């Protein structure tokens, strides 16, 4: 049989495939019967083979063009992208993610270590200048005093702060891969140094300028550091406690749990950077900046505690 005769005998299949394309367009995949979907797939594969033959044997251009259009139309139906389900996204963002973060023991550990050491270091540094120098370094403290000797009125770009703040979170996250120990060390280090700086600057004449700049964006920035540390430790600890899996499999499983945590950290860093580049160095009164800080803290508590607190049903 000639190729042209073979393809001519296939026109009924092409017609059926075209009818199925019309039938499926605009419909949800869930409403398509299994038998119709199987038939559609078989006809699509056959049409692809027919197109290859038509191209190879240089059949009439109108036949080749028709098959090209039919195959493309069927391909778009078979491999069409899913419509964005806003309801599912909303439920995941405001139900699933906060529940998982609230119940994540690595995030709890990171929060306890970071904020506990931060407060302790700040108190010790406020009462003992020598402690602040040993922890943060004399040069660092002198640089901070010089930096805040005058009000911060220069507006730096948001991109600068995203890179600067993100580097802290990236270190906490990446160091956590060292079997969790690196993440613990980086969390302790950042908590002690930042706490010492806050405590030292509280007792300095530059304290007014310092707090005028840091108050507004501190809640988002410090929370982002904690989330980054928790995500990193989650990955690192999975290499130690594998629950019978290989280390690679355990790491992959932990990665699925750590992704929402790191995603939330990225959002926190971005929000902190935006506030730090716009509100923090602005000439707005300190009361307004304090209100931004209180509002930010309230939003964080609502998201991570109120929305995250288990209510008896499966998250």
C-alpha atoms as a PDB file:
ATOM      1  CA  UNK A   1       0.000   0.000   0.000  1.00  0.00           C
ATOM      2  CA  UNK A   2       1.257   3.442  -0.911  1.00  0.00           C
ATOM      3  CA  UNK A   3       1.914   5.894   1.886  1.00  0.00           C
ATOM      4  CA  UNK A   4      -0.626   8.286   0.412  1.00  0.00           C
ATOM      5  CA  UNK A   5      -3.287   5.543   0.433  1.00  0.00           C
ATOM      6  CA  UNK A   6      -2.341   4.621   4.016  1.00  0.00           C
ATOM      7  CA  UNK A   7      -2.731   8.183   5.201  1.00  0.00           C
ATOM      8  CA  UNK A   8      -5.971   8.502   3.273  1.00  0.00           C
ATOM      9  CA  UNK A   9      -7.335   5.537   5.207  1.00  0.00           C
ATOM     10  CA  UNK A  10      -6.466   7.364   8.449  1.00  0.00           C
ATOM     11  CA  UNK A  11      -8.715  10.347   7.817  1.00  0.00           C
ATOM     12  CA  UNK A  12     -11.472   8.839   9.971  1.00  0.00           C
ATOM     13  CA  UNK A  13      -9.081   8.751  12.939  1.00  0.00           C
ATOM     14  CA  UNK A  14      -8.103  12.371  12.296  1.00  0.00           C
ATOM     15  CA  UNK A  15     -11.758  13.351  12.238  1.00  0.00           C
ATOM     16  CA  UNK A  16     -12.360  11.558  15.536  1.00  0.00           C
ATOM     17  CA  UNK A  17      -9.335  13.249  17.117  1.00  0.00           C
ATOM     18  CA  UNK A  18     -10.556  16.635  15.956  1.00  0.00           C
ATOM     19  CA  UNK A  19     -13.999  15.959  17.428  1.00  0.00           C
ATOM     20  CA  UNK A  20     -12.451  14.976  20.750  1.00  0.00           C
ATOM     21  CA  UNK A  21     -10.383  18.179  20.762  1.00  0.00           C
ATOM     22  CA  UNK A  22     -13.582  20.182  20.344  1.00  0.00           C
ATOM     23  CA  UNK A  23     -15.238  18.109  23.075  1.00  0.00           C
ATOM     24  CA  UNK A  24     -12.393  18.554  25.582  1.00  0.00           C
ATOM     25  CA  UNK A  25     -11.698  22.251  25.013  1.00  0.00           C
ATOM     26  CA  UNK A  26     -12.862  24.342  27.945  1.00  0.00           C
ATOM     27  CA  UNK A  27     -13.630  21.309  30.096  1.00  0.00           C
ATOM     28  CA  UNK A  28     -11.966  20.231  33.305  1.00  0.00           C
ATOM     29  CA  UNK A  29      -9.971  17.023  33.104  1.00  0.00           C
ATOM     30  CA  UNK A  30     -11.944  15.666  36.036  1.00  0.00           C
ATOM     31  CA  UNK A  31     -15.110  15.604  33.881  1.00  0.00           C
ATOM     32  CA  UNK A  32     -13.517  13.625  31.009  1.00  0.00           C
ATOM     33  CA  UNK A  33     -14.421   9.888  31.073  1.00  0.00           C
ATOM     34  CA  UNK A  34     -11.473   7.519  31.331  1.00  0.00           C
ATOM     35  CA  UNK A  35     -12.440   5.701  28.115  1.00  0.00           C
ATOM     36  CA  UNK A  36     -12.554   8.964  26.166  1.00  0.00           C
ATOM     37  CA  UNK A  37      -9.176  10.047  27.564  1.00  0.00           C
ATOM     38  CA  UNK A  38      -7.612   6.708  26.596  1.00  0.00           C
ATOM     39  CA  UNK A  39      -9.042   6.941  23.080  1.00  0.00           C
ATOM     40  CA  UNK A  40      -7.818  10.521  22.773  1.00  0.00           C
ATOM     41  CA  UNK A  41      -4.273   9.502  23.759  1.00  0.00           C
ATOM     42  CA  UNK A  42      -4.225   6.647  21.244  1.00  0.00           C
ATOM     43  CA  UNK A  43      -5.462   8.878  18.426  1.00  0.00           C
ATOM     44  CA  UNK A  44      -2.921  11.539  19.351  1.00  0.00           C
ATOM     45  CA  UNK A  45      -0.013   9.079  19.150  1.00  0.00           C
ATOM     46  CA  UNK A  46      -1.302   7.755  15.817  1.00  0.00           C
ATOM     47  CA  UNK A  47      -1.606  11.306  14.436  1.00  0.00           C
ATOM     48  CA  UNK A  48       1.997  12.027  15.440  1.00  0.00           C
ATOM     49  CA  UNK A  49       3.112   8.945  13.481  1.00  0.00           C
ATOM     50  CA  UNK A  50       0.995  10.013  10.500  1.00  0.00           C
ATOM     51  CA  UNK A  51       2.563  13.454  10.570  1.00  0.00           C
ATOM     52  CA  UNK A  52       6.036  11.928  10.551  1.00  0.00           C
ATOM     53  CA  UNK A  53       5.148   9.842   7.499  1.00  0.00           C
ATOM     54  CA  UNK A  54       3.571  12.809   5.721  1.00  0.00           C
ATOM     55  CA  UNK A  55       6.704  14.888   6.302  1.00  0.00           C
ATOM     56  CA  UNK A  56       9.058  12.105   5.273  1.00  0.00           C
ATOM     57  CA  UNK A  57       7.288  11.285   2.014  1.00  0.00           C
ATOM     58  CA  UNK A  58       6.548  14.892   1.106  1.00  0.00           C
ATOM     59  CA  UNK A  59       2.802  14.550   0.800  1.00  0.00           C
ATOM     60  CA  UNK A  60       0.723  17.522  -0.378  1.00  0.00           C
ATOM     61  CA  UNK A  61       1.383  20.665   1.725  1.00  0.00           C
ATOM     62  CA  UNK A  62      -2.274  20.995   2.698  1.00  0.00           C
ATOM     63  CA  UNK A  63      -2.217  17.497   4.240  1.00  0.00           C
ATOM     64  CA  UNK A  64       0.986  18.195   6.139  1.00  0.00           C
ATOM     65  CA  UNK A  65      -0.321  21.555   7.322  1.00  0.00           C
ATOM     66  CA  UNK A  66      -3.595  20.009   8.490  1.00  0.00           C
ATOM     67  CA  UNK A  67      -1.761  17.335  10.483  1.00  0.00           C
ATOM     68  CA  UNK A  68       0.563  19.903  12.021  1.00  0.00           C
ATOM     69  CA  UNK A  69      -2.420  21.895  13.258  1.00  0.00           C
ATOM     70  CA  UNK A  70      -4.260  18.802  14.485  1.00  0.00           C
ATOM     71  CA  UNK A  71      -1.262  17.442  16.400  1.00  0.00           C
ATOM     72  CA  UNK A  72      -0.563  20.849  17.959  1.00  0.00           C
ATOM     73  CA  UNK A  73      -4.195  21.212  18.993  1.00  0.00           C
ATOM     74  CA  UNK A  74      -4.266  17.739  20.528  1.00  0.00           C
ATOM     75  CA  UNK A  75      -0.916  18.326  22.237  1.00  0.00           C
ATOM     76  CA  UNK A  76      -2.235  21.467  23.904  1.00  0.00           C
ATOM     77  CA  UNK A  77      -5.208  19.524  25.239  1.00  0.00           C
ATOM     78  CA  UNK A  78      -3.149  16.577  26.452  1.00  0.00           C
ATOM     79  CA  UNK A  79      -0.417  18.649  28.116  1.00  0.00           C
ATOM     80  CA  UNK A  80      -2.282  21.832  28.942  1.00  0.00           C
ATOM     81  CA  UNK A  81      -1.209  23.628  32.097  1.00  0.00           C
ATOM     82  CA  UNK A  82      -3.435  23.491  35.142  1.00  0.00           C
ATOM     83  CA  UNK A  83      -5.533  26.499  35.938  1.00  0.00           C
ATOM     84  CA  UNK A  84      -4.448  28.341  39.049  1.00  0.00           C
ATOM     85  CA  UNK A  85      -6.688  27.250  41.873  1.00  0.00           C
ATOM     86  CA  UNK A  86      -6.833  30.348  44.062  1.00  0.00           C
ATOM     87  CA  UNK A  87      -8.863  28.568  46.738  1.00  0.00           C
ATOM     88  CA  UNK A  88      -6.235  25.831  47.092  1.00  0.00           C
ATOM     89  CA  UNK A  89      -3.416  28.379  47.165  1.00  0.00           C
ATOM     90  CA  UNK A  90      -5.198  30.432  49.809  1.00  0.00           C
ATOM     91  CA  UNK A  91      -5.869  27.372  51.950  1.00  0.00           C
ATOM     92  CA  UNK A  92      -2.263  26.223  51.666  1.00  0.00           C
ATOM     93  CA  UNK A  93      -0.834  29.660  52.434  1.00  0.00           C
ATOM     94  CA  UNK A  94      -3.064  30.444  55.405  1.00  0.00           C
ATOM     95  CA  UNK A  95      -3.788  26.962  56.702  1.00  0.00           C
ATOM     96  CA  UNK A  96      -1.199  24.379  55.716  1.00  0.00           C
ATOM     97  CA  UNK A  97       2.004  26.418  55.944  1.00  0.00           C
ATOM     98  CA  UNK A  98       1.415  28.029  59.379  1.00  0.00           C
ATOM     99  CA  UNK A  99       0.350  24.657  60.822  1.00  0.00           C
ATOM    100  CA  UNK A 100       3.545  23.004  59.593  1.00  0.00           C
ATOM    101  CA  UNK A 101       5.715  25.847  60.839  1.00  0.00           C
ATOM    102  CA  UNK A 102       4.016  25.845  64.249  1.00  0.00           C
ATOM    103  CA  UNK A 103       4.657  22.113  64.637  1.00  0.00           C
ATOM    104  CA  UNK A 104       8.195  22.180  63.234  1.00  0.00           C
ATOM    105  CA  UNK A 105      10.514  21.279  66.111  1.00  0.00           C
ATOM    106  CA  UNK A 106      13.530  22.643  64.232  1.00  0.00           C
ATOM    107  CA  UNK A 107      11.891  26.072  63.963  1.00  0.00           C
ATOM    108  CA  UNK A 108      11.009  25.902  67.667  1.00  0.00           C
ATOM    109  CA  UNK A 109      14.602  25.010  68.533  1.00  0.00           C
ATOM    110  CA  UNK A 110      15.970  27.822  66.365  1.00  0.00           C
ATOM    111  CA  UNK A 111      13.552  30.345  67.912  1.00  0.00           C
ATOM    112  CA  UNK A 112      14.371  29.268  71.460  1.00  0.00           C
ATOM    113  CA  UNK A 113      18.137  29.439  70.878  1.00  0.00           C
ATOM    114  CA  UNK A 114      18.143  32.653  68.877  1.00  0.00           C
ATOM    115  CA  UNK A 115      15.774  34.806  70.907  1.00  0.00           C
ATOM    116  CA  UNK A 116      16.975  33.371  74.215  1.00  0.00           C
ATOM    117  CA  UNK A 117      20.628  34.120  73.492  1.00  0.00           C
ATOM    118  CA  UNK A 118      19.748  37.428  71.849  1.00  0.00           C
ATOM    119  CA  UNK A 119      18.028  38.711  75.004  1.00  0.00           C
ATOM    120  CA  UNK A 120      20.695  37.287  77.308  1.00  0.00           C
ATOM    121  CA  UNK A 121      23.513  38.792  75.251  1.00  0.00           C
ATOM    122  CA  UNK A 122      21.763  42.172  75.090  1.00  0.00           C
ATOM    123  CA  UNK A 123      21.326  42.293  78.876  1.00  0.00           C
ATOM    124  CA  UNK A 124      24.930  41.285  79.522  1.00  0.00           C
ATOM    125  CA  UNK A 125      26.270  43.765  76.974  1.00  0.00           C
ATOM    126  CA  UNK A 126      24.203  46.591  78.420  1.00  0.00           C
ATOM    127  CA  UNK A 127      25.591  45.939  81.899  1.00  0.00           C
ATOM    128  CA  UNK A 128      29.136  45.075  80.824  1.00  0.00           C
ATOM    129  CA  UNK A 129      30.879  46.954  77.997  1.00  0.00           C
ATOM    130  CA  UNK A 130      33.710  44.435  78.157  1.00  0.00           C
ATOM    131  CA  UNK A 131      31.303  41.610  77.370  1.00  0.00           C
ATOM    132  CA  UNK A 132      30.050  43.482  74.305  1.00  0.00           C
ATOM    133  CA  UNK A 133      33.623  43.995  73.091  1.00  0.00           C
ATOM    134  CA  UNK A 134      34.490  40.324  73.518  1.00  0.00           C
ATOM    135  CA  UNK A 135      31.396  39.117  71.672  1.00  0.00           C
ATOM    136  CA  UNK A 136      30.898  41.677  68.916  1.00  0.00           C
ATOM    137  CA  UNK A 137      34.435  43.034  68.662  1.00  0.00           C
ATOM    138  CA  UNK A 138      35.747  46.487  69.483  1.00  0.00           C
ATOM    139  CA  UNK A 139      36.001  47.508  65.825  1.00  0.00           C
ATOM    140  CA  UNK A 140      32.416  46.484  65.136  1.00  0.00           C
ATOM    141  CA  UNK A 141      31.080  48.475  68.076  1.00  0.00           C
ATOM    142  CA  UNK A 142      33.094  51.537  67.121  1.00  0.00           C
ATOM    143  CA  UNK A 143      31.762  51.261  63.594  1.00  0.00           C
ATOM    144  CA  UNK A 144      28.196  51.102  64.893  1.00  0.00           C
ATOM    145  CA  UNK A 145      28.746  54.151  67.078  1.00  0.00           C
ATOM    146  CA  UNK A 146      30.157  56.049  64.114  1.00  0.00           C
ATOM    147  CA  UNK A 147      27.352  54.929  61.818  1.00  0.00           C
ATOM    148  CA  UNK A 148      24.625  56.128  64.169  1.00  0.00           C
ATOM    149  CA  UNK A 149      26.338  59.296  65.314  1.00  0.00           C
ATOM    150  CA  UNK A 150      23.827  61.060  63.064  1.00  0.00           C
ATOM    151  CA  UNK A 151      20.293  60.086  62.012  1.00  0.00           C
ATOM    152  CA  UNK A 152      20.125  57.632  59.098  1.00  0.00           C
ATOM    153  CA  UNK A 153      18.482  59.740  56.452  1.00  0.00           C
ATOM    154  CA  UNK A 154      20.056  58.364  53.290  1.00  0.00           C
ATOM    155  CA  UNK A 155      17.726  56.092  51.344  1.00  0.00           C
ATOM    156  CA  UNK A 156      19.493  52.960  50.215  1.00  0.00           C
ATOM    157  CA  UNK A 157      17.892  50.598  47.725  1.00  0.00           C
ATOM    158  CA  UNK A 158      15.719  47.660  48.679  1.00  0.00           C
ATOM    159  CA  UNK A 159      17.952  45.421  46.572  1.00  0.00           C
ATOM    160  CA  UNK A 160      20.956  46.267  48.784  1.00  0.00           C
ATOM    161  CA  UNK A 161      19.142  45.221  51.937  1.00  0.00           C
ATOM    162  CA  UNK A 162      17.789  42.037  50.343  1.00  0.00           C
ATOM    163  CA  UNK A 163      21.365  41.037  49.498  1.00  0.00           C
ATOM    164  CA  UNK A 164      22.704  42.065  52.923  1.00  0.00           C
ATOM    165  CA  UNK A 165      19.953  40.550  55.037  1.00  0.00           C
ATOM    166  CA  UNK A 166      19.616  37.533  52.797  1.00  0.00           C
ATOM    167  CA  UNK A 167      23.292  36.676  53.257  1.00  0.00           C
ATOM    168  CA  UNK A 168      22.688  36.185  56.999  1.00  0.00           C
ATOM    169  CA  UNK A 169      19.776  33.871  56.377  1.00  0.00           C
ATOM    170  CA  UNK A 170      21.650  32.034  53.639  1.00  0.00           C
ATOM    171  CA  UNK A 171      24.537  31.316  56.002  1.00  0.00           C
ATOM    172  CA  UNK A 172      22.175  30.041  58.699  1.00  0.00           C
ATOM    173  CA  UNK A 173      20.459  27.840  56.128  1.00  0.00           C
ATOM    174  CA  UNK A 174      23.562  26.569  54.339  1.00  0.00           C
ATOM    175  CA  UNK A 175      25.569  25.900  57.498  1.00  0.00           C
ATOM    176  CA  UNK A 176      22.703  23.761  58.751  1.00  0.00           C
ATOM    177  CA  UNK A 177      23.596  21.180  56.108  1.00  0.00           C
ATOM    178  CA  UNK A 178      26.696  20.341  58.178  1.00  0.00           C
ATOM    179  CA  UNK A 179      24.620  17.741  60.063  1.00  0.00           C
ATOM    180  CA  UNK A 180      22.772  20.543  61.872  1.00  0.00           C
ATOM    181  CA  UNK A 181      25.837  21.508  63.909  1.00  0.00           C
ATOM    182  CA  UNK A 182      26.810  24.286  61.518  1.00  0.00           C
ATOM    183  CA  UNK A 183      23.307  25.730  61.714  1.00  0.00           C
ATOM    184  CA  UNK A 184      23.367  25.664  65.489  1.00  0.00           C
ATOM    185  CA  UNK A 185      26.717  27.443  65.535  1.00  0.00           C
ATOM    186  CA  UNK A 186      25.602  30.125  63.073  1.00  0.00           C
ATOM    187  CA  UNK A 187      22.374  30.693  65.008  1.00  0.00           C
ATOM    188  CA  UNK A 188      24.236  31.043  68.315  1.00  0.00           C
ATOM    189  CA  UNK A 189      26.814  33.337  66.728  1.00  0.00           C
ATOM    190  CA  UNK A 190      24.272  35.696  65.141  1.00  0.00           C
ATOM    191  CA  UNK A 191      22.121  35.777  68.273  1.00  0.00           C
ATOM    192  CA  UNK A 192      25.079  36.619  70.514  1.00  0.00           C
ATOM    193  CA  UNK A 193      26.553  39.262  68.205  1.00  0.00           C
ATOM    194  CA  UNK A 194      23.265  40.980  67.377  1.00  0.00           C
ATOM    195  CA  UNK A 195      22.213  40.903  71.020  1.00  0.00           C
ATOM    196  CA  UNK A 196      25.555  42.388  72.095  1.00  0.00           C
ATOM    197  CA  UNK A 197      25.195  45.183  69.537  1.00  0.00           C
ATOM    198  CA  UNK A 198      21.656  45.995  70.681  1.00  0.00           C
ATOM    199  CA  UNK A 199      22.674  45.955  74.341  1.00  0.00           C
ATOM    200  CA  UNK A 200      25.760  48.078  73.737  1.00  0.00           C
ATOM    201  CA  UNK A 201      23.953  50.662  71.623  1.00  0.00           C
ATOM    202  CA  UNK A 202      21.160  50.934  74.207  1.00  0.00           C
ATOM    203  CA  UNK A 203      23.625  52.456  76.676  1.00  0.00           C
ATOM    204  CA  UNK A 204      25.295  54.768  74.151  1.00  0.00           C
ATOM    205  CA  UNK A 205      24.452  58.417  73.355  1.00  0.00           C
ATOM    206  CA  UNK A 206      23.645  57.228  69.804  1.00  0.00           C
ATOM    207  CA  UNK A 207      20.842  54.982  71.078  1.00  0.00           C
ATOM    208  CA  UNK A 208      18.107  57.315  69.851  1.00  0.00           C
ATOM    209  CA  UNK A 209      19.396  57.257  66.266  1.00  0.00           C
ATOM    210  CA  UNK A 210      20.007  53.514  66.480  1.00  0.00           C
ATOM    211  CA  UNK A 211      16.509  52.586  67.600  1.00  0.00           C
ATOM    212  CA  UNK A 212      14.909  55.087  65.269  1.00  0.00           C
ATOM    213  CA  UNK A 213      16.462  53.132  62.396  1.00  0.00           C
ATOM    214  CA  UNK A 214      16.147  49.492  63.526  1.00  0.00           C
ATOM    215  CA  UNK A 215      12.768  49.454  65.285  1.00  0.00           C
ATOM    216  CA  UNK A 216      10.483  49.251  62.254  1.00  0.00           C
ATOM    217  CA  UNK A 217      12.115  46.374  60.381  1.00  0.00           C
ATOM    218  CA  UNK A 218      13.523  44.314  63.280  1.00  0.00           C
ATOM    219  CA  UNK A 219      10.531  41.922  63.732  1.00  0.00           C
ATOM    220  CA  UNK A 220      10.575  40.678  60.144  1.00  0.00           C
ATOM    221  CA  UNK A 221      14.370  40.535  59.949  1.00  0.00           C
ATOM    222  CA  UNK A 222      14.928  38.597  63.184  1.00  0.00           C
ATOM    223  CA  UNK A 223      12.079  36.199  62.402  1.00  0.00           C
ATOM    224  CA  UNK A 224      13.550  35.535  58.955  1.00  0.00           C
ATOM    225  CA  UNK A 225      16.885  34.590  60.523  1.00  0.00           C
ATOM    226  CA  UNK A 226      15.126  32.128  62.822  1.00  0.00           C
ATOM    227  CA  UNK A 227      13.201  30.530  59.940  1.00  0.00           C
ATOM    228  CA  UNK A 228      16.362  30.202  57.843  1.00  0.00           C
ATOM    229  CA  UNK A 229      18.161  28.533  60.737  1.00  0.00           C
ATOM    230  CA  UNK A 230      15.247  26.165  61.326  1.00  0.00           C
ATOM    231  CA  UNK A 231      15.104  25.142  57.664  1.00  0.00           C
ATOM    232  CA  UNK A 232      18.854  24.522  57.570  1.00  0.00           C
ATOM    233  CA  UNK A 233      18.803  22.444  60.736  1.00  0.00           C
ATOM    234  CA  UNK A 234      15.887  20.416  59.378  1.00  0.00           C
ATOM    235  CA  UNK A 235      18.048  19.377  56.419  1.00  0.00           C
ATOM    236  CA  UNK A 236      21.163  18.821  58.508  1.00  0.00           C
ATOM    237  CA  UNK A 237      19.464  16.692  61.140  1.00  0.00           C
ATOM    238  CA  UNK A 238      17.937  14.531  58.384  1.00  0.00           C
ATOM    239  CA  UNK A 239      21.469  13.381  57.542  1.00  0.00           C
ATOM    240  CA  UNK A 240      21.898  12.178  61.130  1.00  0.00           C
ATOM    241  CA  UNK A 241      18.482  10.683  61.816  1.00  0.00           C
ATOM    242  CA  UNK A 242      17.439   8.979  58.585  1.00  0.00           C
ATOM    243  CA  UNK A 243      14.569   6.825  59.956  1.00  0.00           C
ATOM    244  CA  UNK A 244      15.828   3.795  58.032  1.00  0.00           C
ATOM    245  CA  UNK A 245      16.206   5.607  54.705  1.00  0.00           C
ATOM    246  CA  UNK A 246      19.392   6.386  52.850  1.00  0.00           C
ATOM    247  CA  UNK A 247      20.860   9.798  53.623  1.00  0.00           C
ATOM    248  CA  UNK A 248      19.916  11.075  50.161  1.00  0.00           C
ATOM    249  CA  UNK A 249      16.319   9.890  50.525  1.00  0.00           C
ATOM    250  CA  UNK A 250      16.127  11.334  54.035  1.00  0.00           C
ATOM    251  CA  UNK A 251      17.499  14.664  52.765  1.00  0.00           C
ATOM    252  CA  UNK A 252      14.930  14.769  49.974  1.00  0.00           C
ATOM    253  CA  UNK A 253      12.095  14.088  52.393  1.00  0.00           C
ATOM    254  CA  UNK A 254      13.366  16.787  54.749  1.00  0.00           C
ATOM    255  CA  UNK A 255      13.647  19.186  51.836  1.00  0.00           C
ATOM    256  CA  UNK A 256       9.889  18.993  51.243  1.00  0.00           C
ATOM    257  CA  UNK A 257       9.325  20.000  54.871  1.00  0.00           C
ATOM    258  CA  UNK A 258      11.981  22.714  54.810  1.00  0.00           C
ATOM    259  CA  UNK A 259      10.768  24.406  51.625  1.00  0.00           C
ATOM    260  CA  UNK A 260       7.745  26.196  53.183  1.00  0.00           C
ATOM    261  CA  UNK A 261       9.984  27.350  56.040  1.00  0.00           C
ATOM    262  CA  UNK A 262      12.611  28.785  53.715  1.00  0.00           C
ATOM    263  CA  UNK A 263       9.911  30.295  51.514  1.00  0.00           C
ATOM    264  CA  UNK A 264       8.466  32.102  54.527  1.00  0.00           C
ATOM    265  CA  UNK A 265      11.981  33.301  55.411  1.00  0.00           C
ATOM    266  CA  UNK A 266      12.427  34.785  51.928  1.00  0.00           C
ATOM    267  CA  UNK A 267       9.141  36.656  52.303  1.00  0.00           C
ATOM    268  CA  UNK A 268      10.187  37.941  55.744  1.00  0.00           C
ATOM    269  CA  UNK A 269      13.573  39.124  54.450  1.00  0.00           C
ATOM    270  CA  UNK A 270      11.934  40.889  51.517  1.00  0.00           C
ATOM    271  CA  UNK A 271       9.451  42.680  53.771  1.00  0.00           C
ATOM    272  CA  UNK A 272      12.217  43.640  56.197  1.00  0.00           C
ATOM    273  CA  UNK A 273      14.332  44.973  53.333  1.00  0.00           C
ATOM    274  CA  UNK A 274      11.445  47.050  52.003  1.00  0.00           C
ATOM    275  CA  UNK A 275      10.779  48.610  55.409  1.00  0.00           C
ATOM    276  CA  UNK A 276      14.509  49.084  56.039  1.00  0.00           C
ATOM    277  CA  UNK A 277      14.971  50.983  52.795  1.00  0.00           C
ATOM    278  CA  UNK A 278      11.836  53.149  52.984  1.00  0.00           C
ATOM    279  CA  UNK A 279      10.387  53.635  56.478  1.00  0.00           C
ATOM    280  CA  UNK A 280      13.471  53.091  58.669  1.00  0.00           C
ATOM    281  CA  UNK A 281      15.625  55.904  57.187  1.00  0.00           C
ATOM    282  CA  UNK A 282      12.675  58.247  56.614  1.00  0.00           C
ATOM    283  CA  UNK A 283      11.903  61.386  58.597  1.00  0.00           C
ATOM    284  CA  UNK A 284       8.686  59.841  59.918  1.00  0.00           C
ATOM    285  CA  UNK A 285       8.252  60.270  63.687  1.00  0.00           C
ATOM    286  CA  UNK A 286       9.483  57.460  65.900  1.00  0.00           C
ATOM    287  CA  UNK A 287       5.920  56.775  67.045  1.00  0.00           C
ATOM    288  CA  UNK A 288       5.002  55.796  63.492  1.00  0.00           C
ATOM    289  CA  UNK A 289       8.017  53.485  63.178  1.00  0.00           C
ATOM    290  CA  UNK A 290       7.182  51.899  66.524  1.00  0.00           C
ATOM    291  CA  UNK A 291       3.620  51.379  65.319  1.00  0.00           C
ATOM    292  CA  UNK A 292       4.960  49.609  62.208  1.00  0.00           C
ATOM    293  CA  UNK A 293       7.022  47.362  64.478  1.00  0.00           C
ATOM    294  CA  UNK A 294       4.021  46.556  66.682  1.00  0.00           C
ATOM    295  CA  UNK A 295       1.845  45.874  63.635  1.00  0.00           C
ATOM    296  CA  UNK A 296       4.529  43.640  62.114  1.00  0.00           C
ATOM    297  CA  UNK A 297       4.887  41.703  65.369  1.00  0.00           C
ATOM    298  CA  UNK A 298       1.125  41.276  65.557  1.00  0.00           C
ATOM    299  CA  UNK A 299       0.986  39.980  61.995  1.00  0.00           C
ATOM    300  CA  UNK A 300       3.747  37.466  62.740  1.00  0.00           C
ATOM    301  CA  UNK A 301       2.058  36.258  65.920  1.00  0.00           C
ATOM    302  CA  UNK A 302      -1.270  35.902  64.139  1.00  0.00           C
ATOM    303  CA  UNK A 303       0.229  33.956  61.236  1.00  0.00           C
ATOM    304  CA  UNK A 304       2.549  31.645  63.138  1.00  0.00           C
ATOM    305  CA  UNK A 305       0.594  31.174  66.378  1.00  0.00           C
ATOM    306  CA  UNK A 306      -3.106  31.875  65.803  1.00  0.00           C
ATOM    307  CA  UNK A 307      -3.289  30.318  62.332  1.00  0.00           C
ATOM    308  CA  UNK A 308      -0.701  27.683  63.173  1.00  0.00           C
ATOM    309  CA  UNK A 309      -2.152  26.456  66.462  1.00  0.00           C
ATOM    310  CA  UNK A 310      -3.667  22.962  65.996  1.00  0.00           C
ATOM    311  CA  UNK A 311      -7.424  22.800  66.385  1.00  0.00           C
ATOM    312  CA  UNK A 312      -7.995  19.065  66.396  1.00  0.00           C
ATOM    313  CA  UNK A 313      -8.345  18.467  62.666  1.00  0.00           C
ATOM    314  CA  UNK A 314      -5.631  17.228  60.356  1.00  0.00           C
ATOM    315  CA  UNK A 315      -3.525  20.065  58.960  1.00  0.00           C
END
